[in-house]
């Protein structure tokens, strides 16, 4: 079998993405290749439930998607968000019954959304500054077009930087021996 490819230790002069928990100043690589569409890196479609769903039903809906948050909608409008982290904190830790606990009782009602045309670095910067792990993508603030996770957003960003660095000859691949 072939040995896996691993990067050499190249001379990299890339911006510090963690400094000050801000992604300002890194838009140069996103703009160089055109805007990275948020919906291309988000969970589409987003998992949607109503406030009347049980937490157990919500987890069952999330598991096949590998997404860690649901958009909570009522009468076609976004009214909340429920990430799995909140389920752990508000339901599991408090020893509530997931079958008897309703989403509406434990969801976060104040929801920040981003427009699908928001540059990826702006969306990720907003998420980092506000300690948000999941953010609904919405054209109008009410419908949900997708769910962006900080994990998928940062992975896309890292891959984009790596591909750009490789194209510039800053990263070379070698076979591990």
Protein backbone atom coordinates (compact mmCIF):
# COMPACT_ATOMS: atom_id res chain seq x y z
CA UNK A 1 0.00 0.00 0.00
CA UNK A 2 1.00 3.58 -0.57
CA UNK A 3 2.24 5.59 2.36
CA UNK A 4 -0.02 8.50 3.38
CA UNK A 5 0.85 11.98 2.19
CA UNK A 6 2.06 14.34 4.90
CA UNK A 7 3.14 17.95 4.52
CA UNK A 8 6.80 18.83 4.85
CA UNK A 9 7.73 21.61 7.23
CA UNK A 10 7.36 24.48 4.75
CA UNK A 11 8.12 28.14 5.34
CA UNK A 12 4.63 29.51 5.98
CA UNK A 13 3.90 33.18 6.43
CA UNK A 14 0.17 33.01 6.99
CA UNK A 15 -1.85 35.29 9.26
CA UNK A 16 -2.36 34.15 12.85
CA UNK A 17 -5.99 33.01 12.74
CA UNK A 18 -6.26 32.73 16.51
CA UNK A 19 -4.82 36.11 17.51
CA UNK A 20 -7.48 38.01 19.37
CA UNK A 21 -10.13 35.46 18.28
CA UNK A 22 -10.75 37.50 15.15
CA UNK A 23 -10.67 36.61 11.50
CA UNK A 24 -10.28 40.23 10.33
CA UNK A 25 -7.50 40.63 7.81
CA UNK A 26 -7.72 37.18 6.24
CA UNK A 27 -10.24 38.08 3.59
CA UNK A 28 -7.41 38.39 1.08
CA UNK A 29 -7.42 34.66 0.29
CA UNK A 30 -11.19 34.31 0.16
CA UNK A 31 -11.49 37.26 -2.22
CA UNK A 32 -8.61 36.05 -4.38
CA UNK A 33 -10.65 33.06 -5.53
CA UNK A 34 -14.11 34.58 -5.18
CA UNK A 35 -16.40 34.49 -2.21
CA UNK A 36 -16.81 31.15 -0.49
CA UNK A 37 -20.57 30.68 -0.38
CA UNK A 38 -21.81 29.87 3.11
CA UNK A 39 -24.37 27.41 1.79
CA UNK A 40 -21.58 25.36 0.17
CA UNK A 41 -20.02 24.71 3.59
CA UNK A 42 -23.20 24.56 5.71
CA UNK A 43 -25.63 21.82 6.53
CA UNK A 44 -28.31 22.16 3.85
CA UNK A 45 -31.12 21.70 4.48
CA UNK A 46 -30.99 22.60 8.15
CA UNK A 47 -32.81 20.32 10.55
CA UNK A 48 -36.00 22.09 11.63
CA UNK A 49 -38.32 21.28 14.51
CA UNK A 50 -41.14 23.08 16.31
CA UNK A 51 -41.12 24.12 19.98
CA UNK A 52 -43.55 21.24 20.63
CA UNK A 53 -41.01 18.54 19.65
CA UNK A 54 -39.53 16.56 22.51
CA UNK A 55 -35.78 16.72 23.00
CA UNK A 56 -35.65 12.98 22.26
CA UNK A 57 -37.41 13.48 18.90
CA UNK A 58 -35.00 16.31 18.15
CA UNK A 59 -31.92 14.19 18.81
CA UNK A 60 -33.39 11.45 16.61
CA UNK A 61 -33.81 14.01 13.80
CA UNK A 62 -30.24 15.31 14.23
CA UNK A 63 -28.33 12.02 14.38
CA UNK A 64 -28.49 11.07 10.67
CA UNK A 65 -27.33 14.55 9.61
CA UNK A 66 -24.23 14.85 11.84
CA UNK A 67 -25.25 18.45 12.50
CA UNK A 68 -25.24 19.52 16.15
CA UNK A 69 -28.04 22.10 16.14
CA UNK A 70 -31.65 22.44 15.05
CA UNK A 71 -33.51 25.51 13.88
CA UNK A 72 -36.74 25.91 15.82
CA UNK A 73 -39.60 27.22 13.68
CA UNK A 74 -43.18 28.09 14.40
CA UNK A 75 -45.69 29.10 11.73
CA UNK A 76 -42.85 29.16 9.18
CA UNK A 77 -40.68 31.59 11.13
CA UNK A 78 -37.41 31.02 13.00
CA UNK A 79 -38.11 31.35 16.74
CA UNK A 80 -35.09 29.64 18.28
CA UNK A 81 -32.09 27.36 18.01
CA UNK A 82 -31.18 24.28 20.02
CA UNK A 83 -27.60 23.01 19.81
CA UNK A 84 -26.69 19.63 21.28
CA UNK A 85 -24.37 21.41 23.73
CA UNK A 86 -27.43 23.13 25.21
CA UNK A 87 -29.21 19.78 25.42
CA UNK A 88 -26.27 18.42 27.41
CA UNK A 89 -26.23 21.47 29.69
CA UNK A 90 -29.98 22.06 30.10
CA UNK A 91 -31.42 18.54 29.87
CA UNK A 92 -28.78 15.89 30.62
CA UNK A 93 -26.95 17.77 33.38
CA UNK A 94 -30.25 18.78 35.00
CA UNK A 95 -31.45 15.16 34.71
CA UNK A 96 -34.60 16.11 32.80
CA UNK A 97 -36.50 13.45 30.85
CA UNK A 98 -35.68 13.98 27.14
CA UNK A 99 -39.02 12.48 26.12
CA UNK A 100 -40.99 14.83 28.39
CA UNK A 101 -38.86 17.95 27.86
CA UNK A 102 -40.03 20.14 25.01
CA UNK A 103 -37.68 22.00 22.69
CA UNK A 104 -39.53 25.24 23.47
CA UNK A 105 -38.57 24.90 27.14
CA UNK A 106 -34.81 24.67 26.53
CA UNK A 107 -34.14 26.42 23.19
CA UNK A 108 -32.28 29.71 22.84
CA UNK A 109 -34.82 32.30 21.70
CA UNK A 110 -32.38 35.05 20.74
CA UNK A 111 -31.08 33.83 17.39
CA UNK A 112 -28.34 35.48 15.37
CA UNK A 113 -28.53 34.71 11.64
CA UNK A 114 -26.32 35.45 8.66
CA UNK A 115 -27.29 36.11 5.05
CA UNK A 116 -26.15 33.48 2.50
CA UNK A 117 -23.95 36.08 0.77
CA UNK A 118 -22.12 37.02 3.96
CA UNK A 119 -18.39 36.39 3.42
CA UNK A 120 -17.28 33.27 5.26
CA UNK A 121 -14.65 35.15 7.27
CA UNK A 122 -17.32 37.60 8.51
CA UNK A 123 -19.65 34.79 9.57
CA UNK A 124 -16.85 32.97 11.37
CA UNK A 125 -15.65 36.19 13.01
CA UNK A 126 -19.20 36.83 14.27
CA UNK A 127 -19.37 33.29 15.62
CA UNK A 128 -16.01 33.54 17.39
CA UNK A 129 -16.72 36.95 18.91
CA UNK A 130 -20.11 35.84 20.24
CA UNK A 131 -19.15 32.29 21.26
CA UNK A 132 -21.64 30.81 18.77
CA UNK A 133 -21.01 27.28 17.53
CA UNK A 134 -23.95 27.17 15.08
CA UNK A 135 -25.61 29.95 13.15
CA UNK A 136 -28.62 29.72 10.85
CA UNK A 137 -28.19 31.05 7.33
CA UNK A 138 -31.25 33.03 6.30
CA UNK A 139 -32.21 35.31 3.42
CA UNK A 140 -34.75 37.19 5.53
CA UNK A 141 -34.00 36.38 9.17
CA UNK A 142 -37.05 34.11 9.41
CA UNK A 143 -36.66 31.26 6.95
CA UNK A 144 -33.69 28.92 7.32
CA UNK A 145 -31.62 28.08 4.25
CA UNK A 146 -28.86 26.20 6.08
CA UNK A 147 -26.98 25.81 9.37
CA UNK A 148 -23.31 26.80 9.55
CA UNK A 149 -21.23 25.12 12.24
CA UNK A 150 -18.00 26.63 13.48
CA UNK A 151 -16.33 23.26 12.82
CA UNK A 152 -17.30 23.13 9.13
CA UNK A 153 -16.58 26.82 8.66
CA UNK A 154 -13.09 26.63 10.12
CA UNK A 155 -12.33 23.40 8.26
CA UNK A 156 -13.30 25.06 4.97
CA UNK A 157 -11.14 28.05 5.86
CA UNK A 158 -8.13 25.89 6.70
CA UNK A 159 -8.53 23.89 3.48
CA UNK A 160 -8.83 27.09 1.48
CA UNK A 161 -5.63 28.47 3.03
CA UNK A 162 -3.82 25.17 2.50
CA UNK A 163 -4.83 24.95 -1.17
CA UNK A 164 -3.74 28.57 -1.69
CA UNK A 165 -0.41 27.97 0.06
CA UNK A 166 0.19 24.85 -2.01
CA UNK A 167 -0.61 26.74 -5.22
CA UNK A 168 1.96 29.36 -4.21
CA UNK A 169 4.57 26.66 -3.58
CA UNK A 170 4.63 27.28 0.17
CA UNK A 171 3.56 23.74 0.99
CA UNK A 172 5.01 20.62 -0.51
CA UNK A 173 3.76 17.10 0.01
CA UNK A 174 6.03 14.15 0.61
CA UNK A 175 5.40 10.49 1.20
CA UNK A 176 5.84 9.36 4.82
CA UNK A 177 8.52 6.69 5.09
